[in-house]
Amino acid sequence: MVSFHFILREPAGFAAKAAGDLVGAALKCSSKVTILDGEKSGDAKQIFHVMCLSARENDDIELRLEGPDEVAEARTLEQYVRERF
């Protein structure tokens, strides 16, 4: 398992557009991708799970990847979220 954190900089949190962008990036990963915000977690490949976190601007978000290519996919996904969010 590989994980990384980022601070959500979206004023609306993970509203539909931002959640969709994250899900689209996570779907490119063959690894299982879990999103965590505090004690809440969900499958980052499911838009409903991401939106139900009710993440807000400045929340510390964690993404965990588990799979055979987790290290490379985590690097790619981390770069994407740091640029996008």
PDB file of N, CA and C in Angstrom:
ATOM      1  N   MET A   1       0.841  -1.180   0.000  1.00  0.00           N
ATOM      2  CA  MET A   1       0.000   0.000   0.000  1.00  0.00           C
ATOM      3  C   MET A   1       0.888   1.246   0.000  1.00  0.00           C
ATOM      4  N   VAL A   2       0.505   2.204  -0.828  1.00  0.00           N
ATOM      5  CA  VAL A   2       1.174   3.495  -0.916  1.00  0.00           C
ATOM      6  C   VAL A   2       0.109   4.560  -0.705  1.00  0.00           C
ATOM      7  N   SER A   3       0.458   5.604   0.031  1.00  0.00           N
ATOM      8  CA  SER A   3      -0.515   6.686   0.232  1.00  0.00           C
ATOM      9  C   SER A   3       0.162   8.036   0.169  1.00  0.00           C
ATOM     10  N   PHE A   4      -0.643   9.047  -0.063  1.00  0.00           N
ATOM     11  CA  PHE A   4      -0.161  10.425  -0.020  1.00  0.00           C
ATOM     12  C   PHE A   4      -1.315  11.335   0.388  1.00  0.00           C
ATOM     13  N   HIS A   5      -0.957  12.492   0.887  1.00  0.00           N
ATOM     14  CA  HIS A   5      -1.933  13.485   1.341  1.00  0.00           C
ATOM     15  C   HIS A   5      -1.849  14.726   0.459  1.00  0.00           C
ATOM     16  N   PHE A   6      -2.956  15.440   0.377  1.00  0.00           N
ATOM     17  CA  PHE A   6      -2.959  16.754  -0.254  1.00  0.00           C
ATOM     18  C   PHE A   6      -4.057  17.585   0.393  1.00  0.00           C
ATOM     19  N   ILE A   7      -3.900  18.894   0.320  1.00  0.00           N
ATOM     20  CA  ILE A   7      -4.893  19.817   0.854  1.00  0.00           C
ATOM     21  C   ILE A   7      -5.831  20.200  -0.281  1.00  0.00           C
ATOM     22  N   LEU A   8      -7.114  19.997  -0.067  1.00  0.00           N
ATOM     23  CA  LEU A   8      -8.121  20.314  -1.081  1.00  0.00           C
ATOM     24  C   LEU A   8      -8.257  21.824  -1.197  1.00  0.00           C
ATOM     25  N   ARG A   9      -8.004  22.371  -2.374  1.00  0.00           N
ATOM     26  CA  ARG A   9      -8.043  23.818  -2.607  1.00  0.00           C
ATOM     27  C   ARG A   9      -9.272  24.255  -3.394  1.00  0.00           C
ATOM     28  N   GLU A  10     -10.234  23.374  -3.565  1.00  0.00           N
ATOM     29  CA  GLU A  10     -11.467  23.698  -4.290  1.00  0.00           C
ATOM     30  C   GLU A  10     -12.440  24.401  -3.345  1.00  0.00           C
ATOM     31  N   PRO A  11     -12.860  25.630  -3.647  1.00  0.00           N
ATOM     32  CA  PRO A  11     -13.807  26.337  -2.769  1.00  0.00           C
ATOM     33  C   PRO A  11     -15.105  25.562  -2.528  1.00  0.00           C
ATOM     34  N   ALA A  12     -15.547  24.786  -3.515  1.00  0.00           N
ATOM     35  CA  ALA A  12     -16.784  24.022  -3.371  1.00  0.00           C
ATOM     36  C   ALA A  12     -16.526  22.598  -2.881  1.00  0.00           C
ATOM     37  N   GLY A  13     -15.291  22.278  -2.498  1.00  0.00           N
ATOM     38  CA  GLY A  13     -14.964  20.922  -2.085  1.00  0.00           C
ATOM     39  C   GLY A  13     -15.044  19.982  -3.275  1.00  0.00           C
ATOM     40  N   PHE A  14     -15.428  18.746  -3.026  1.00  0.00           N
ATOM     41  CA  PHE A  14     -15.584  17.784  -4.116  1.00  0.00           C
ATOM     42  C   PHE A  14     -17.013  17.822  -4.626  1.00  0.00           C
ATOM     43  N   ALA A  15     -17.382  18.943  -5.236  1.00  0.00           N
ATOM     44  CA  ALA A  15     -18.668  19.043  -5.923  1.00  0.00           C
ATOM     45  C   ALA A  15     -18.557  18.205  -7.202  1.00  0.00           C
ATOM     46  N   ALA A  16     -19.596  18.161  -7.996  1.00  0.00           N
ATOM     47  CA  ALA A  16     -19.673  17.250  -9.148  1.00  0.00           C
ATOM     48  C   ALA A  16     -18.463  17.346 -10.083  1.00  0.00           C
ATOM     49  N   LYS A  17     -18.060  18.529 -10.481  1.00  0.00           N
ATOM     50  CA  LYS A  17     -16.955  18.680 -11.442  1.00  0.00           C
ATOM     51  C   LYS A  17     -15.642  18.173 -10.856  1.00  0.00           C
ATOM     52  N   ALA A  18     -15.309  18.627  -9.659  1.00  0.00           N
ATOM     53  CA  ALA A  18     -14.053  18.207  -9.034  1.00  0.00           C
ATOM     54  C   ALA A  18     -14.062  16.710  -8.734  1.00  0.00           C
ATOM     55  N   ALA A  19     -15.184  16.208  -8.235  1.00  0.00           N
ATOM     56  CA  ALA A  19     -15.285  14.775  -7.948  1.00  0.00           C
ATOM     57  C   ALA A  19     -15.132  13.969  -9.231  1.00  0.00           C
ATOM     58  N   GLY A  20     -15.757  14.418 -10.302  1.00  0.00           N
ATOM     59  CA  GLY A  20     -15.648  13.736 -11.586  1.00  0.00           C
ATOM     60  C   GLY A  20     -14.227  13.724 -12.111  1.00  0.00           C
ATOM     61  N   ASP A  21     -13.524  14.833 -11.923  1.00  0.00           N
ATOM     62  CA  ASP A  21     -12.126  14.894 -12.356  1.00  0.00           C
ATOM     63  C   ASP A  21     -11.268  13.890 -11.588  1.00  0.00           C
ATOM     64  N   LEU A  22     -11.476  13.824 -10.273  1.00  0.00           N
ATOM     65  CA  LEU A  22     -10.704  12.888  -9.459  1.00  0.00           C
ATOM     66  C   LEU A  22     -11.032  11.443  -9.835  1.00  0.00           C
ATOM     67  N   VAL A  23     -12.294  11.136  -9.993  1.00  0.00           N
ATOM     68  CA  VAL A  23     -12.713   9.784 -10.368  1.00  0.00           C
ATOM     69  C   VAL A  23     -12.109   9.407 -11.725  1.00  0.00           C
ATOM     70  N   GLY A  24     -12.126  10.319 -12.671  1.00  0.00           N
ATOM     71  CA  GLY A  24     -11.546  10.054 -13.985  1.00  0.00           C
ATOM     72  C   GLY A  24     -10.075   9.707 -13.892  1.00  0.00           C
ATOM     73  N   ALA A  25      -9.345  10.420 -13.037  1.00  0.00           N
ATOM     74  CA  ALA A  25      -7.920  10.130 -12.858  1.00  0.00           C
ATOM     75  C   ALA A  25      -7.728   8.790 -12.150  1.00  0.00           C
ATOM     76  N   ALA A  26      -8.554   8.510 -11.150  1.00  0.00           N
ATOM     77  CA  ALA A  26      -8.436   7.254 -10.400  1.00  0.00           C
ATOM     78  C   ALA A  26      -8.769   6.052 -11.284  1.00  0.00           C
ATOM     79  N   LEU A  27      -9.711   6.214 -12.194  1.00  0.00           N
ATOM     80  CA  LEU A  27     -10.096   5.115 -13.083  1.00  0.00           C
ATOM     81  C   LEU A  27      -8.962   4.683 -14.014  1.00  0.00           C
ATOM     82  N   LYS A  28      -7.995   5.541 -14.219  1.00  0.00           N
ATOM     83  CA  LYS A  28      -6.842   5.202 -15.057  1.00  0.00           C
ATOM     84  C   LYS A  28      -5.875   4.270 -14.339  1.00  0.00           C
ATOM     85  N   CYS A  29      -6.059   4.118 -13.028  1.00  0.00           N
ATOM     86  CA  CYS A  29      -5.181   3.272 -12.222  1.00  0.00           C
ATOM     87  C   CYS A  29      -5.721   1.845 -12.173  1.00  0.00           C
ATOM     88  N   SER A  30      -4.836   0.879 -12.291  1.00  0.00           N
ATOM     89  CA  SER A  30      -5.253  -0.515 -12.120  1.00  0.00           C
ATOM     90  C   SER A  30      -5.348  -0.868 -10.639  1.00  0.00           C
ATOM     91  N   SER A  31      -4.703  -0.074  -9.795  1.00  0.00           N
ATOM     92  CA  SER A  31      -4.729  -0.298  -8.351  1.00  0.00           C
ATOM     93  C   SER A  31      -6.072   0.102  -7.756  1.00  0.00           C
ATOM     94  N   LYS A  32      -6.372  -0.473  -6.604  1.00  0.00           N
ATOM     95  CA  LYS A  32      -7.517  -0.026  -5.811  1.00  0.00           C
ATOM     96  C   LYS A  32      -7.140   1.342  -5.249  1.00  0.00           C
ATOM     97  N   VAL A  33      -8.025   2.336  -5.377  1.00  0.00           N
ATOM     98  CA  VAL A  33      -7.742   3.684  -4.901  1.00  0.00           C
ATOM     99  C   VAL A  33      -8.815   4.052  -3.878  1.00  0.00           C
ATOM    100  N   THR A  34      -8.385   4.310  -2.655  1.00  0.00           N
ATOM    101  CA  THR A  34      -9.288   4.687  -1.571  1.00  0.00           C
ATOM    102  C   THR A  34      -9.031   6.133  -1.210  1.00  0.00           C
ATOM    103  N   ILE A  35     -10.099   6.902  -1.020  1.00  0.00           N
ATOM    104  CA  ILE A  35      -9.990   8.290  -0.614  1.00  0.00           C
ATOM    105  C   ILE A  35     -10.449   8.409   0.835  1.00  0.00           C
ATOM    106  N   LEU A  36      -9.707   9.184   1.618  1.00  0.00           N
ATOM    107  CA  LEU A  36     -10.031   9.364   3.023  1.00  0.00           C
ATOM    108  C   LEU A  36     -10.035  10.842   3.379  1.00  0.00           C
ATOM    109  N   ASP A  37     -11.012  11.225   4.181  1.00  0.00           N
ATOM    110  CA  ASP A  37     -11.100  12.583   4.725  1.00  0.00           C
ATOM    111  C   ASP A  37     -11.480  12.416   6.192  1.00  0.00           C
ATOM    112  N   GLY A  38     -10.485  12.508   7.052  1.00  0.00           N
ATOM    113  CA  GLY A  38     -10.739  12.240   8.458  1.00  0.00           C
ATOM    114  C   GLY A  38     -11.080  10.771   8.641  1.00  0.00           C
ATOM    115  N   GLU A  39     -12.207  10.492   9.259  1.00  0.00           N
ATOM    116  CA  GLU A  39     -12.624   9.113   9.491  1.00  0.00           C
ATOM    117  C   GLU A  39     -13.492   8.560   8.365  1.00  0.00           C
ATOM    118  N   LYS A  40     -13.843   9.403   7.403  1.00  0.00           N
ATOM    119  CA  LYS A  40     -14.677   8.975   6.274  1.00  0.00           C
ATOM    120  C   LYS A  40     -13.785   8.486   5.138  1.00  0.00           C
ATOM    121  N   SER A  41     -14.247   7.431   4.471  1.00  0.00           N
ATOM    122  CA  SER A  41     -13.472   6.903   3.347  1.00  0.00           C
ATOM    123  C   SER A  41     -14.414   6.341   2.294  1.00  0.00           C
ATOM    124  N   GLY A  42     -13.869   6.143   1.106  1.00  0.00           N
ATOM    125  CA  GLY A  42     -14.656   5.584   0.023  1.00  0.00           C
ATOM    126  C   GLY A  42     -13.769   5.186  -1.142  1.00  0.00           C
ATOM    127  N   ASP A  43     -14.384   4.593  -2.132  1.00  0.00           N
ATOM    128  CA  ASP A  43     -13.704   4.172  -3.351  1.00  0.00           C
ATOM    129  C   ASP A  43     -13.562   5.398  -4.255  1.00  0.00           C
ATOM    130  N   ALA A  44     -12.324   5.788  -4.537  1.00  0.00           N
ATOM    131  CA  ALA A  44     -12.085   6.986  -5.345  1.00  0.00           C
ATOM    132  C   ALA A  44     -12.469   6.795  -6.805  1.00  0.00           C
ATOM    133  N   LYS A  45     -12.872   5.598  -7.185  1.00  0.00           N
ATOM    134  CA  LYS A  45     -13.309   5.338  -8.555  1.00  0.00           C
ATOM    135  C   LYS A  45     -14.830   5.430  -8.687  1.00  0.00           C
ATOM    136  N   GLN A  46     -15.500   5.806  -7.605  1.00  0.00           N
ATOM    137  CA  GLN A  46     -16.958   5.925  -7.586  1.00  0.00           C
ATOM    138  C   GLN A  46     -17.330   7.360  -7.212  1.00  0.00           C
ATOM    139  N   ILE A  47     -17.950   8.088  -8.129  1.00  0.00           N
ATOM    140  CA  ILE A  47     -18.254   9.498  -7.891  1.00  0.00           C
ATOM    141  C   ILE A  47     -19.127   9.700  -6.652  1.00  0.00           C
ATOM    142  N   PHE A  48     -20.063   8.796  -6.426  1.00  0.00           N
ATOM    143  CA  PHE A  48     -20.930   8.913  -5.262  1.00  0.00           C
ATOM    144  C   PHE A  48     -20.116   8.829  -3.969  1.00  0.00           C
ATOM    145  N   HIS A  49     -19.130   7.943  -3.926  1.00  0.00           N
ATOM    146  CA  HIS A  49     -18.286   7.809  -2.737  1.00  0.00           C
ATOM    147  C   HIS A  49     -17.491   9.089  -2.486  1.00  0.00           C
ATOM    148  N   VAL A  50     -16.941   9.657  -3.544  1.00  0.00           N
ATOM    149  CA  VAL A  50     -16.139  10.879  -3.403  1.00  0.00           C
ATOM    150  C   VAL A  50     -17.016  12.036  -2.927  1.00  0.00           C
ATOM    151  N   MET A  51     -18.177  12.198  -3.529  1.00  0.00           N
ATOM    152  CA  MET A  51     -19.053  13.303  -3.153  1.00  0.00           C
ATOM    153  C   MET A  51     -19.625  13.128  -1.749  1.00  0.00           C
ATOM    154  N   CYS A  52     -19.859  11.895  -1.323  1.00  0.00           N
ATOM    155  CA  CYS A  52     -20.430  11.649   0.006  1.00  0.00           C
ATOM    156  C   CYS A  52     -19.444  11.906   1.142  1.00  0.00           C
ATOM    157  N   LEU A  53     -18.176  12.096   0.813  1.00  0.00           N
ATOM    158  CA  LEU A  53     -17.219  12.466   1.863  1.00  0.00           C
ATOM    159  C   LEU A  53     -17.529  13.856   2.419  1.00  0.00           C
ATOM    160  N   SER A  54     -18.210  14.661   1.606  1.00  0.00           N
ATOM    161  CA  SER A  54     -18.513  16.053   1.974  1.00  0.00           C
ATOM    162  C   SER A  54     -17.244  16.827   2.318  1.00  0.00           C
ATOM    163  N   ALA A  55     -16.186  16.550   1.564  1.00  0.00           N
ATOM    164  CA  ALA A  55     -14.917  17.236   1.788  1.00  0.00           C
ATOM    165  C   ALA A  55     -15.069  18.725   1.482  1.00  0.00           C
ATOM    166  N   ARG A  56     -14.375  19.519   2.263  1.00  0.00           N
ATOM    167  CA  ARG A  56     -14.442  20.972   2.119  1.00  0.00           C
ATOM    168  C   ARG A  56     -13.071  21.538   1.782  1.00  0.00           C
ATOM    169  N   GLU A  57     -13.076  22.754   1.337  1.00  0.00           N
ATOM    170  CA  GLU A  57     -11.818  23.446   1.055  1.00  0.00           C
ATOM    171  C   GLU A  57     -10.930  23.402   2.291  1.00  0.00           C
ATOM    172  N   ASN A  58      -9.660  23.151   2.091  1.00  0.00           N
ATOM    173  CA  ASN A  58      -8.618  23.065   3.115  1.00  0.00           C
ATOM    174  C   ASN A  58      -8.632  21.771   3.919  1.00  0.00           C
ATOM    175  N   ASP A  59      -9.468  20.803   3.557  1.00  0.00           N
ATOM    176  CA  ASP A  59      -9.418  19.491   4.206  1.00  0.00           C
ATOM    177  C   ASP A  59      -8.154  18.756   3.763  1.00  0.00           C
ATOM    178  N   ASP A  60      -7.598  17.975   4.673  1.00  0.00           N
ATOM    179  CA  ASP A  60      -6.440  17.133   4.382  1.00  0.00           C
ATOM    180  C   ASP A  60      -6.977  15.804   3.842  1.00  0.00           C
ATOM    181  N   ILE A  61      -6.775  15.571   2.566  1.00  0.00           N
ATOM    182  CA  ILE A  61      -7.284  14.384   1.886  1.00  0.00           C
ATOM    183  C   ILE A  61      -6.150  13.381   1.715  1.00  0.00           C
ATOM    184  N   GLU A  62      -6.455  12.125   1.960  1.00  0.00           N
ATOM    185  CA  GLU A  62      -5.475  11.062   1.746  1.00  0.00           C
ATOM    186  C   GLU A  62      -5.975  10.140   0.641  1.00  0.00           C
ATOM    187  N   LEU A  63      -5.078   9.740  -0.230  1.00  0.00           N
ATOM    188  CA  LEU A  63      -5.371   8.725  -1.245  1.00  0.00           C
ATOM    189  C   LEU A  63      -4.446   7.537  -0.989  1.00  0.00           C
ATOM    190  N   ARG A  64      -5.036   6.343  -0.929  1.00  0.00           N
ATOM    191  CA  ARG A  64      -4.281   5.103  -0.734  1.00  0.00           C
ATOM    192  C   ARG A  64      -4.443   4.226  -1.957  1.00  0.00           C
ATOM    193  N   LEU A  65      -3.342   3.711  -2.441  1.00  0.00           N
ATOM    194  CA  LEU A  65      -3.367   2.829  -3.599  1.00  0.00           C
ATOM    195  C   LEU A  65      -2.830   1.465  -3.205  1.00  0.00           C
ATOM    196  N   GLU A  66      -3.502   0.417  -3.677  1.00  0.00           N
ATOM    197  CA  GLU A  66      -3.074  -0.957  -3.438  1.00  0.00           C
ATOM    198  C   GLU A  66      -3.158  -1.726  -4.743  1.00  0.00           C
ATOM    199  N   GLY A  67      -2.035  -2.257  -5.168  1.00  0.00           N
ATOM    200  CA  GLY A  67      -2.018  -3.035  -6.396  1.00  0.00           C
ATOM    201  C   GLY A  67      -0.600  -3.234  -6.891  1.00  0.00           C
ATOM    202  N   PRO A  68      -0.435  -4.001  -7.940  1.00  0.00           N
ATOM    203  CA  PRO A  68       0.907  -4.322  -8.430  1.00  0.00           C
ATOM    204  C   PRO A  68       1.676  -3.106  -8.952  1.00  0.00           C
ATOM    205  N   ASP A  69       0.993  -2.088  -9.452  1.00  0.00           N
ATOM    206  CA  ASP A  69       1.657  -0.894  -9.978  1.00  0.00           C
ATOM    207  C   ASP A  69       1.430   0.321  -9.085  1.00  0.00           C
ATOM    208  N   GLU A  70       1.192   0.086  -7.796  1.00  0.00           N
ATOM    209  CA  GLU A  70       0.787   1.160  -6.891  1.00  0.00           C
ATOM    210  C   GLU A  70       1.788   2.307  -6.795  1.00  0.00           C
ATOM    211  N   VAL A  71       3.075   2.019  -6.825  1.00  0.00           N
ATOM    212  CA  VAL A  71       4.074   3.083  -6.661  1.00  0.00           C
ATOM    213  C   VAL A  71       4.052   4.034  -7.851  1.00  0.00           C
ATOM    214  N   ALA A  72       4.116   3.495  -9.047  1.00  0.00           N
ATOM    215  CA  ALA A  72       4.103   4.343 -10.248  1.00  0.00           C
ATOM    216  C   ALA A  72       2.776   5.072 -10.380  1.00  0.00           C
ATOM    217  N   GLU A  73       1.674   4.380 -10.121  1.00  0.00           N
ATOM    218  CA  GLU A  73       0.364   5.010 -10.235  1.00  0.00           C
ATOM    219  C   GLU A  73       0.171   6.086  -9.172  1.00  0.00           C
ATOM    220  N   ALA A  74       0.708   5.874  -7.984  1.00  0.00           N
ATOM    221  CA  ALA A  74       0.606   6.884  -6.931  1.00  0.00           C
ATOM    222  C   ALA A  74       1.354   8.153  -7.335  1.00  0.00           C
ATOM    223  N   ARG A  75       2.521   7.991  -7.926  1.00  0.00           N
ATOM    224  CA  ARG A  75       3.281   9.168  -8.383  1.00  0.00           C
ATOM    225  C   ARG A  75       2.499   9.959  -9.427  1.00  0.00           C
ATOM    226  N   THR A  76       1.931   9.250 -10.383  1.00  0.00           N
ATOM    227  CA  THR A  76       1.156   9.909 -11.438  1.00  0.00           C
ATOM    228  C   THR A  76      -0.086  10.587 -10.872  1.00  0.00           C
ATOM    229  N   LEU A  77      -0.814   9.893 -10.014  1.00  0.00           N
ATOM    230  CA  LEU A  77      -2.029  10.438  -9.423  1.00  0.00           C
ATOM    231  C   LEU A  77      -1.713  11.615  -8.503  1.00  0.00           C
ATOM    232  N   GLU A  78      -0.632  11.506  -7.744  1.00  0.00           N
ATOM    233  CA  GLU A  78      -0.243  12.610  -6.856  1.00  0.00           C
ATOM    234  C   GLU A  78       0.094  13.857  -7.661  1.00  0.00           C
ATOM    235  N   GLN A  79       0.831  13.709  -8.735  1.00  0.00           N
ATOM    236  CA  GLN A  79       1.163  14.850  -9.580  1.00  0.00           C
ATOM    237  C   GLN A  79      -0.120  15.495 -10.119  1.00  0.00           C
ATOM    238  N   TYR A  80      -1.053  14.672 -10.553  1.00  0.00           N
ATOM    239  CA  TYR A  80      -2.313  15.189 -11.089  1.00  0.00           C
ATOM    240  C   TYR A  80      -3.092  15.974 -10.033  1.00  0.00           C
ATOM    241  N   VAL A  81      -3.278  15.401  -8.846  1.00  0.00           N
ATOM    242  CA  VAL A  81      -4.098  16.090  -7.841  1.00  0.00           C
ATOM    243  C   VAL A  81      -3.423  17.361  -7.329  1.00  0.00           C
ATOM    244  N   ARG A  82      -2.118  17.369  -7.267  1.00  0.00           N
ATOM    245  CA  ARG A  82      -1.421  18.584  -6.810  1.00  0.00           C
ATOM    246  C   ARG A  82      -1.559  19.708  -7.850  1.00  0.00           C
ATOM    247  N   GLU A  83      -1.596  19.356  -9.113  1.00  0.00           N
ATOM    248  CA  GLU A  83      -1.795  20.364 -10.161  1.00  0.00           C
ATOM    249  C   GLU A  83      -3.262  20.795 -10.246  1.00  0.00           C
ATOM    250  N   ARG A  84      -4.182  19.851 -10.086  1.00  0.00           N
ATOM    251  CA  ARG A  84      -5.619  20.130 -10.291  1.00  0.00           C
ATOM    252  C   ARG A  84      -6.315  20.676  -9.047  1.00  0.00           C
ATOM    253  N   PHE A  85      -5.977  20.158  -7.882  1.00  0.00           N
ATOM    254  CA  PHE A  85      -6.705  20.540  -6.674  1.00  0.00           C
ATOM    255  C   PHE A  85      -5.864  21.380  -5.747  1.00  0.00           C
TER     256      PHE A  85
END
